Amino acid sequence: MNPASNPGAQTLRTEALSKSFGSFAANSDVSLAFQPGARHALIGPNGAGKTTFINLLTGGLAPTAGKVWMGDTDITHLAQHERVKLGMTRTFQINTLFAGMTVLESVVLAVSERRGLQGVWYKTVASHQDVVDEAMALLATLKLTAEANTVTRSMAYGKQRLVEIALALATQPSILLLDEPAAGIPSAESKELFEVIAQLPRDVTVVFIEHDMGLVFRFADRITVMVGGKVLTEGTPAEISADPRVKEVYLGEAEHA
């Protein structure tokens, strides 16, 4: 069954999740559910607490209060690497690629890490052709086959962001968290990036932060609006675009940014 066809299931949810830094409440009582196969956007003005929330989901930060669940498993206090093993992975606003390696070398290394073959290096994987095959299949999914033997630092920034997503997908996640994947990318490249993201298999739930409302309304099927560390509202793109509260606190600002 396509997981997106079962709206009653929940791959990821939070209960009253909160994070304070001293007297500053970065997140307050955030209760959200992300359905299997969703393309779910988090939007809001700068300082709304979106990245803090992603860090709480991934274990980069410990919550002050509340819980995080994957299915029936309470993952609130699990380390980041333990969440990756359960199927959650992320990318960052600042990409962290192996700049001197080729695209294929980078993805082979990531696949080898997941398979427990950390000692296997690209040039010595003749006995692990299946690792290379998996890496190439992943590059094909992201339309990066032609760049397989290109050194990462020589690629356009938009392509580098795709490689970063390839490295995340090499962990075989069920939940992929993207923190502003189009940040710093020219408009034409960002549209291409999101078209590739939109074509990812529906057994991968994608939660992404994005400030470009054109991209959000084109590619998200669910949107959560955060303001001041709290959830203002949640709904479909049509519901969000018609909500006068959202227009007042964010969309008007975004349109003139």
C-alpha atoms as a PDB file:
ATOM      1  CA  MET A   1       0.000   0.000   0.000  1.00  0.00           C
ATOM      2  CA  ASN A   2       1.172   3.526  -0.734  1.00  0.00           C
ATOM      3  CA  PRO A   3       1.646   5.014   2.754  1.00  0.00           C
ATOM      4  CA  ALA A   4       0.118   8.271   1.589  1.00  0.00           C
ATOM      5  CA  SER A   5      -3.157   6.405   1.005  1.00  0.00           C
ATOM      6  CA  ASN A   6      -3.507   5.697   4.723  1.00  0.00           C
ATOM      7  CA  PRO A   7      -4.201   9.091   6.305  1.00  0.00           C
ATOM      8  CA  GLY A   8      -4.838   7.507   9.708  1.00  0.00           C
ATOM      9  CA  ALA A   9      -1.204   6.455  10.127  1.00  0.00           C
ATOM     10  CA  GLN A  10       1.422   8.828  11.502  1.00  0.00           C
ATOM     11  CA  THR A  11       5.114   8.498  10.812  1.00  0.00           C
ATOM     12  CA  LEU A  12       6.155  11.370  13.046  1.00  0.00           C
ATOM     13  CA  ARG A  13       4.395  13.443  15.690  1.00  0.00           C
ATOM     14  CA  THR A  14       5.116  15.764  18.583  1.00  0.00           C
ATOM     15  CA  GLU A  15       3.242  16.379  21.807  1.00  0.00           C
ATOM     16  CA  ALA A  16       3.503  19.831  23.429  1.00  0.00           C
ATOM     17  CA  LEU A  17       7.124  20.060  22.337  1.00  0.00           C
ATOM     18  CA  SER A  18       8.884  23.039  23.897  1.00  0.00           C
ATOM     19  CA  LYS A  19      12.388  24.462  24.018  1.00  0.00           C
ATOM     20  CA  SER A  20      13.578  27.387  26.104  1.00  0.00           C
ATOM     21  CA  PHE A  21      16.955  29.077  26.253  1.00  0.00           C
ATOM     22  CA  GLY A  22      16.887  30.800  29.598  1.00  0.00           C
ATOM     23  CA  SER A  23      13.809  33.008  29.585  1.00  0.00           C
ATOM     24  CA  PHE A  24      13.451  32.833  25.780  1.00  0.00           C
ATOM     25  CA  ALA A  25      10.901  30.296  24.523  1.00  0.00           C
ATOM     26  CA  ALA A  26      12.070  29.206  21.073  1.00  0.00           C
ATOM     27  CA  ASN A  27       9.262  26.626  20.792  1.00  0.00           C
ATOM     28  CA  SER A  28       6.136  26.419  22.952  1.00  0.00           C
ATOM     29  CA  ASP A  29       3.680  23.513  23.063  1.00  0.00           C
ATOM     30  CA  VAL A  30       4.159  22.437  19.442  1.00  0.00           C
ATOM     31  CA  SER A  31       1.904  19.457  18.698  1.00  0.00           C
ATOM     32  CA  LEU A  32       2.093  18.326  15.083  1.00  0.00           C
ATOM     33  CA  ALA A  33       1.623  15.133  13.096  1.00  0.00           C
ATOM     34  CA  PHE A  34       3.292  14.365   9.763  1.00  0.00           C
ATOM     35  CA  GLN A  35       1.466  11.763   7.712  1.00  0.00           C
ATOM     36  CA  PRO A  36       3.259   9.034   5.719  1.00  0.00           C
ATOM     37  CA  GLY A  37       4.282  10.214   2.260  1.00  0.00           C
ATOM     38  CA  ALA A  38       3.440  13.851   2.971  1.00  0.00           C
ATOM     39  CA  ARG A  39       5.212  16.851   1.495  1.00  0.00           C
ATOM     40  CA  HIS A  40       4.822  19.058   4.549  1.00  0.00           C
ATOM     41  CA  ALA A  41       6.180  22.620   4.652  1.00  0.00           C
ATOM     42  CA  LEU A  42       7.036  24.647   7.742  1.00  0.00           C
ATOM     43  CA  ILE A  43       6.780  28.381   7.100  1.00  0.00           C
ATOM     44  CA  GLY A  44       6.888  31.541   9.164  1.00  0.00           C
ATOM     45  CA  PRO A  45       8.862  34.744   9.658  1.00  0.00           C
ATOM     46  CA  ASN A  46      12.494  34.715  10.730  1.00  0.00           C
ATOM     47  CA  GLY A  47      12.738  33.762  14.391  1.00  0.00           C
ATOM     48  CA  ALA A  48       9.542  31.715  14.293  1.00  0.00           C
ATOM     49  CA  GLY A  49      11.313  28.664  15.713  1.00  0.00           C
ATOM     50  CA  LYS A  50      11.274  26.484  12.602  1.00  0.00           C
ATOM     51  CA  THR A  51      14.909  25.374  12.660  1.00  0.00           C
ATOM     52  CA  THR A  52      14.782  24.867  16.432  1.00  0.00           C
ATOM     53  CA  PHE A  53      11.803  22.580  15.876  1.00  0.00           C
ATOM     54  CA  ILE A  54      13.696  20.558  13.241  1.00  0.00           C
ATOM     55  CA  ASN A  55      16.620  20.276  15.675  1.00  0.00           C
ATOM     56  CA  LEU A  56      14.249  18.923  18.315  1.00  0.00           C
ATOM     57  CA  LEU A  57      12.861  16.364  15.862  1.00  0.00           C
ATOM     58  CA  THR A  58      16.322  15.119  14.906  1.00  0.00           C
ATOM     59  CA  GLY A  59      17.841  15.129  18.365  1.00  0.00           C
ATOM     60  CA  GLY A  60      20.171  18.039  17.702  1.00  0.00           C
ATOM     61  CA  LEU A  61      18.567  19.729  20.697  1.00  0.00           C
ATOM     62  CA  ALA A  62      16.968  18.253  23.806  1.00  0.00           C
ATOM     63  CA  PRO A  63      13.472  19.593  24.531  1.00  0.00           C
ATOM     64  CA  THR A  64      12.619  21.468  27.680  1.00  0.00           C
ATOM     65  CA  ALA A  65       9.264  19.687  27.686  1.00  0.00           C
ATOM     66  CA  GLY A  66       7.115  17.499  25.460  1.00  0.00           C
ATOM     67  CA  LYS A  67       7.672  14.368  23.391  1.00  0.00           C
ATOM     68  CA  VAL A  68       8.630  13.223  19.892  1.00  0.00           C
ATOM     69  CA  TRP A  69       7.230   9.983  18.467  1.00  0.00           C
ATOM     70  CA  MET A  70       8.006   7.889  15.402  1.00  0.00           C
ATOM     71  CA  GLY A  71       5.049   5.573  15.070  1.00  0.00           C
ATOM     72  CA  ASP A  72       4.577   4.054  18.529  1.00  0.00           C
ATOM     73  CA  THR A  73       8.181   4.685  19.574  1.00  0.00           C
ATOM     74  CA  ASP A  74       9.017   7.530  21.939  1.00  0.00           C
ATOM     75  CA  ILE A  75      12.263   8.944  20.497  1.00  0.00           C
ATOM     76  CA  THR A  76      12.390  12.078  22.659  1.00  0.00           C
ATOM     77  CA  HIS A  77      15.683  11.141  24.299  1.00  0.00           C
ATOM     78  CA  LEU A  78      17.323   9.155  21.505  1.00  0.00           C
ATOM     79  CA  ALA A  79      20.616  10.386  20.059  1.00  0.00           C
ATOM     80  CA  GLN A  80      20.740  11.650  16.485  1.00  0.00           C
ATOM     81  CA  HIS A  81      22.451   8.521  15.128  1.00  0.00           C
ATOM     82  CA  GLU A  82      19.810   6.339  16.775  1.00  0.00           C
ATOM     83  CA  ARG A  83      17.066   8.315  15.025  1.00  0.00           C
ATOM     84  CA  VAL A  84      18.876   7.835  11.717  1.00  0.00           C
ATOM     85  CA  LYS A  85      18.787   4.071  12.295  1.00  0.00           C
ATOM     86  CA  LEU A  86      15.022   4.333  12.834  1.00  0.00           C
ATOM     87  CA  GLY A  87      14.624   6.114   9.505  1.00  0.00           C
ATOM     88  CA  MET A  88      14.945   9.864  10.137  1.00  0.00           C
ATOM     89  CA  THR A  89      17.565  11.996   8.431  1.00  0.00           C
ATOM     90  CA  ARG A  90      18.062  15.633   7.549  1.00  0.00           C
ATOM     91  CA  THR A  91      19.966  18.163   5.503  1.00  0.00           C
ATOM     92  CA  PHE A  92      21.154  21.566   6.693  1.00  0.00           C
ATOM     93  CA  GLN A  93      21.002  25.148   5.422  1.00  0.00           C
ATOM     94  CA  ILE A  94      24.800  25.074   5.040  1.00  0.00           C
ATOM     95  CA  ASN A  95      25.751  22.067   2.996  1.00  0.00           C
ATOM     96  CA  THR A  96      28.431  19.764   4.390  1.00  0.00           C
ATOM     97  CA  LEU A  97      29.677  17.858   1.373  1.00  0.00           C
ATOM     98  CA  PHE A  98      33.030  16.196   0.782  1.00  0.00           C
ATOM     99  CA  ALA A  99      34.138  18.938  -1.612  1.00  0.00           C
ATOM    100  CA  GLY A 100      37.201  17.151  -2.988  1.00  0.00           C
ATOM    101  CA  MET A 101      35.411  13.890  -3.768  1.00  0.00           C
ATOM    102  CA  THR A 102      33.361  13.029  -6.813  1.00  0.00           C
ATOM    103  CA  VAL A 103      29.623  12.722  -6.506  1.00  0.00           C
ATOM    104  CA  LEU A 104      29.753   8.944  -6.848  1.00  0.00           C
ATOM    105  CA  GLU A 105      32.563   8.610  -4.297  1.00  0.00           C
ATOM    106  CA  SER A 106      30.548  10.627  -1.774  1.00  0.00           C
ATOM    107  CA  VAL A 107      27.388   8.579  -2.205  1.00  0.00           C
ATOM    108  CA  VAL A 108      29.275   5.258  -2.214  1.00  0.00           C
ATOM    109  CA  LEU A 109      30.850   6.280   1.077  1.00  0.00           C
ATOM    110  CA  ALA A 110      27.423   7.082   2.545  1.00  0.00           C
ATOM    111  CA  VAL A 111      25.930   3.789   1.338  1.00  0.00           C
ATOM    112  CA  SER A 112      28.951   1.889   2.700  1.00  0.00           C
ATOM    113  CA  GLU A 113      28.521   3.588   6.085  1.00  0.00           C
ATOM    114  CA  ARG A 114      24.893   2.491   6.255  1.00  0.00           C
ATOM    115  CA  ARG A 115      25.813  -1.070   5.337  1.00  0.00           C
ATOM    116  CA  GLY A 116      28.569  -1.244   7.944  1.00  0.00           C
ATOM    117  CA  LEU A 117      31.333  -1.234   5.328  1.00  0.00           C
ATOM    118  CA  GLN A 118      33.089   1.861   6.661  1.00  0.00           C
ATOM    119  CA  GLY A 119      36.488   0.518   5.631  1.00  0.00           C
ATOM    120  CA  VAL A 120      35.485   0.221   1.966  1.00  0.00           C
ATOM    121  CA  TRP A 121      36.669   3.108  -0.213  1.00  0.00           C
ATOM    122  CA  TYR A 122      35.388   3.810  -3.699  1.00  0.00           C
ATOM    123  CA  LYS A 123      38.555   2.718  -5.475  1.00  0.00           C
ATOM    124  CA  THR A 124      38.618  -0.611  -3.637  1.00  0.00           C
ATOM    125  CA  VAL A 125      34.995  -1.694  -3.921  1.00  0.00           C
ATOM    126  CA  ALA A 126      35.390  -4.155  -6.779  1.00  0.00           C
ATOM    127  CA  SER A 127      34.076  -6.857  -4.480  1.00  0.00           C
ATOM    128  CA  HIS A 128      31.135  -4.631  -3.494  1.00  0.00           C
ATOM    129  CA  GLN A 129      29.689  -3.746  -6.885  1.00  0.00           C
ATOM    130  CA  ASP A 130      26.226  -3.766  -5.326  1.00  0.00           C
ATOM    131  CA  VAL A 131      27.246  -0.694  -3.302  1.00  0.00           C
ATOM    132  CA  VAL A 132      28.195   1.162  -6.482  1.00  0.00           C
ATOM    133  CA  ASP A 133      24.986  -0.013  -8.162  1.00  0.00           C
ATOM    134  CA  GLU A 134      22.893   1.300  -5.283  1.00  0.00           C
ATOM    135  CA  ALA A 135      24.721   4.617  -5.366  1.00  0.00           C
ATOM    136  CA  MET A 136      24.211   4.952  -9.127  1.00  0.00           C
ATOM    137  CA  ALA A 137      20.518   4.128  -8.810  1.00  0.00           C
ATOM    138  CA  LEU A 138      20.204   6.866  -6.191  1.00  0.00           C
ATOM    139  CA  LEU A 139      21.960   9.351  -8.471  1.00  0.00           C
ATOM    140  CA  ALA A 140      19.566   8.412 -11.265  1.00  0.00           C
ATOM    141  CA  THR A 141      16.607   9.127  -8.995  1.00  0.00           C
ATOM    142  CA  LEU A 142      17.979  12.631  -8.390  1.00  0.00           C
ATOM    143  CA  LYS A 143      18.965  13.163 -12.049  1.00  0.00           C
ATOM    144  CA  LEU A 144      22.660  13.258 -11.172  1.00  0.00           C
ATOM    145  CA  THR A 145      23.932  10.382 -13.318  1.00  0.00           C
ATOM    146  CA  ALA A 146      25.774  12.717 -15.684  1.00  0.00           C
ATOM    147  CA  GLU A 147      27.614  14.268 -12.727  1.00  0.00           C
ATOM    148  CA  ALA A 148      28.665  10.948 -11.128  1.00  0.00           C
ATOM    149  CA  ASN A 149      32.370  11.493 -11.792  1.00  0.00           C
ATOM    150  CA  THR A 150      32.346  15.257 -11.237  1.00  0.00           C
ATOM    151  CA  VAL A 151      34.216  16.659  -8.238  1.00  0.00           C
ATOM    152  CA  THR A 152      31.592  18.151  -5.952  1.00  0.00           C
ATOM    153  CA  ARG A 153      33.209  21.560  -5.449  1.00  0.00           C
ATOM    154  CA  SER A 154      33.170  22.210  -9.213  1.00  0.00           C
ATOM    155  CA  MET A 155      29.372  21.824  -9.455  1.00  0.00           C
ATOM    156  CA  ALA A 156      26.740  24.555  -9.458  1.00  0.00           C
ATOM    157  CA  TYR A 157      25.361  25.183  -5.978  1.00  0.00           C
ATOM    158  CA  GLY A 158      21.928  23.812  -6.860  1.00  0.00           C
ATOM    159  CA  LYS A 159      23.508  20.537  -7.952  1.00  0.00           C
ATOM    160  CA  GLN A 160      25.510  20.421  -4.728  1.00  0.00           C
ATOM    161  CA  ARG A 161      22.258  20.626  -2.775  1.00  0.00           C
ATOM    162  CA  LEU A 162      20.981  17.638  -4.752  1.00  0.00           C
ATOM    163  CA  VAL A 163      24.123  15.718  -3.794  1.00  0.00           C
ATOM    164  CA  GLU A 164      23.457  16.598  -0.180  1.00  0.00           C
ATOM    165  CA  ILE A 165      19.967  15.128  -0.528  1.00  0.00           C
ATOM    166  CA  ALA A 166      21.511  12.036  -2.153  1.00  0.00           C
ATOM    167  CA  LEU A 167      23.742  11.585   0.899  1.00  0.00           C
ATOM    168  CA  ALA A 168      20.687  11.860   3.146  1.00  0.00           C
ATOM    169  CA  LEU A 169      18.742   9.353   1.045  1.00  0.00           C
ATOM    170  CA  ALA A 170      21.656   6.906   1.209  1.00  0.00           C
ATOM    171  CA  THR A 171      20.586   6.226   4.802  1.00  0.00           C
ATOM    172  CA  GLN A 172      17.275   4.920   3.371  1.00  0.00           C
ATOM    173  CA  PRO A 173      15.098   7.221   5.491  1.00  0.00           C
ATOM    174  CA  SER A 174      11.350   7.048   5.883  1.00  0.00           C
ATOM    175  CA  ILE A 175      11.433  10.693   7.018  1.00  0.00           C
ATOM    176  CA  LEU A 176      13.562  13.333   5.286  1.00  0.00           C
ATOM    177  CA  LEU A 177      13.895  16.770   6.903  1.00  0.00           C
ATOM    178  CA  LEU A 178      15.105  19.621   4.693  1.00  0.00           C
ATOM    179  CA  ASP A 179      16.132  22.958   6.207  1.00  0.00           C
ATOM    180  CA  GLU A 180      15.769  25.561   3.443  1.00  0.00           C
ATOM    181  CA  PRO A 181      17.024  23.334   0.606  1.00  0.00           C
ATOM    182  CA  ALA A 182      16.721  26.193  -1.908  1.00  0.00           C
ATOM    183  CA  ALA A 183      18.650  28.763   0.190  1.00  0.00           C
ATOM    184  CA  GLY A 184      21.210  30.600  -1.931  1.00  0.00           C
ATOM    185  CA  ILE A 185      20.137  28.900  -5.151  1.00  0.00           C
ATOM    186  CA  PRO A 186      19.049  30.894  -8.245  1.00  0.00           C
ATOM    187  CA  SER A 187      15.330  30.675  -8.996  1.00  0.00           C
ATOM    188  CA  ALA A 188      15.660  28.378 -12.017  1.00  0.00           C
ATOM    189  CA  GLU A 189      17.863  25.940 -10.086  1.00  0.00           C
ATOM    190  CA  SER A 190      15.591  25.973  -7.029  1.00  0.00           C
ATOM    191  CA  LYS A 191      12.588  24.993  -9.160  1.00  0.00           C
ATOM    192  CA  GLU A 192      14.605  22.114 -10.626  1.00  0.00           C
ATOM    193  CA  LEU A 193      15.668  21.075  -7.127  1.00  0.00           C
ATOM    194  CA  PHE A 194      12.087  20.955  -5.876  1.00  0.00           C
ATOM    195  CA  GLU A 195      10.866  19.124  -8.971  1.00  0.00           C
ATOM    196  CA  VAL A 196      13.351  16.362  -8.124  1.00  0.00           C
ATOM    197  CA  ILE A 197      12.286  16.378  -4.463  1.00  0.00           C
ATOM    198  CA  ALA A 198       8.635  16.134  -5.530  1.00  0.00           C
ATOM    199  CA  GLN A 199       9.425  12.958  -7.476  1.00  0.00           C
ATOM    200  CA  LEU A 200      10.945  11.124  -4.517  1.00  0.00           C
ATOM    201  CA  PRO A 201       9.124   7.886  -3.642  1.00  0.00           C
ATOM    202  CA  ARG A 202       6.008   8.386  -1.566  1.00  0.00           C
ATOM    203  CA  ASP A 203       7.329   6.019   1.086  1.00  0.00           C
ATOM    204  CA  VAL A 204       9.562   8.950   2.084  1.00  0.00           C
ATOM    205  CA  THR A 205       7.852  11.637   4.154  1.00  0.00           C
ATOM    206  CA  VAL A 206       9.387  15.031   3.381  1.00  0.00           C
ATOM    207  CA  VAL A 207       9.218  17.864   5.918  1.00  0.00           C
ATOM    208  CA  PHE A 208      10.847  21.071   4.708  1.00  0.00           C
ATOM    209  CA  ILE A 209      11.445  24.660   5.785  1.00  0.00           C
ATOM    210  CA  GLU A 210      11.219  27.123   2.916  1.00  0.00           C
ATOM    211  CA  HIS A 211      10.809  30.898   2.554  1.00  0.00           C
ATOM    212  CA  ASP A 212       9.987  30.930  -1.171  1.00  0.00           C
ATOM    213  CA  MET A 213       6.191  30.849  -1.112  1.00  0.00           C
ATOM    214  CA  GLY A 214       6.007  30.016  -4.793  1.00  0.00           C
ATOM    215  CA  LEU A 215       7.865  26.780  -4.119  1.00  0.00           C
ATOM    216  CA  VAL A 216       5.865  26.066  -0.974  1.00  0.00           C
ATOM    217  CA  PHE A 217       2.474  26.424  -2.625  1.00  0.00           C
ATOM    218  CA  ARG A 218       3.595  24.464  -5.668  1.00  0.00           C
ATOM    219  CA  PHE A 219       5.114  21.465  -3.919  1.00  0.00           C
ATOM    220  CA  ALA A 220       3.622  21.140  -0.416  1.00  0.00           C
ATOM    221  CA  ASP A 221       0.399  19.233   0.193  1.00  0.00           C
ATOM    222  CA  ARG A 222       0.323  20.362   3.836  1.00  0.00           C
ATOM    223  CA  ILE A 223       1.612  23.569   5.438  1.00  0.00           C
ATOM    224  CA  THR A 224       2.221  24.512   9.067  1.00  0.00           C
ATOM    225  CA  VAL A 225       2.639  28.190   9.899  1.00  0.00           C
ATOM    226  CA  MET A 226       4.807  29.000  12.919  1.00  0.00           C
ATOM    227  CA  VAL A 227       4.991  32.400  14.623  1.00  0.00           C
ATOM    228  CA  GLY A 228       6.847  33.196  17.832  1.00  0.00           C
ATOM    229  CA  GLY A 229       7.766  29.581  18.454  1.00  0.00           C
ATOM    230  CA  LYS A 230       4.160  28.402  18.275  1.00  0.00           C
ATOM    231  CA  VAL A 231       1.884  26.888  15.643  1.00  0.00           C
ATOM    232  CA  LEU A 232      -0.409  29.580  14.281  1.00  0.00           C
ATOM    233  CA  THR A 233      -2.329  27.271  11.955  1.00  0.00           C
ATOM    234  CA  GLU A 234      -2.020  24.253   9.672  1.00  0.00           C
ATOM    235  CA  GLY A 235      -3.814  23.264   6.491  1.00  0.00           C
ATOM    236  CA  THR A 236      -3.709  22.680   2.774  1.00  0.00           C
ATOM    237  CA  PRO A 237      -2.051  25.277   0.534  1.00  0.00           C
ATOM    238  CA  ALA A 238      -5.477  26.615  -0.412  1.00  0.00           C
ATOM    239  CA  GLU A 239      -6.512  26.943   3.226  1.00  0.00           C
ATOM    240  CA  ILE A 240      -3.266  28.657   4.198  1.00  0.00           C
ATOM    241  CA  SER A 241      -3.322  31.133   1.325  1.00  0.00           C
ATOM    242  CA  ALA A 242      -6.880  32.138   2.236  1.00  0.00           C
ATOM    243  CA  ASP A 243      -6.280  32.515   5.971  1.00  0.00           C
ATOM    244  CA  PRO A 244      -6.317  36.236   6.911  1.00  0.00           C
ATOM    245  CA  ARG A 245      -4.119  35.604   9.972  1.00  0.00           C
ATOM    246  CA  VAL A 246      -1.404  34.104   7.805  1.00  0.00           C
ATOM    247  CA  LYS A 247      -1.611  36.982   5.357  1.00  0.00           C
ATOM    248  CA  GLU A 248      -1.257  39.440   8.212  1.00  0.00           C
ATOM    249  CA  VAL A 249       1.705  37.878   9.985  1.00  0.00           C
ATOM    250  CA  TYR A 250       3.648  36.311   7.137  1.00  0.00           C
ATOM    251  CA  LEU A 251       2.463  36.143   3.540  1.00  0.00           C
ATOM    252  CA  GLY A 252       2.340  39.904   3.127  1.00  0.00           C
ATOM    253  CA  GLU A 253       5.870  40.140   4.509  1.00  0.00           C
ATOM    254  CA  ALA A 254       7.065  37.300   2.276  1.00  0.00           C
ATOM    255  CA  GLU A 255       5.571  38.866  -0.835  1.00  0.00           C
ATOM    256  CA  HIS A 256       7.506  42.076  -0.210  1.00  0.00           C
ATOM    257  CA  ALA A 257      10.741  40.462   0.943  1.00  0.00           C
END
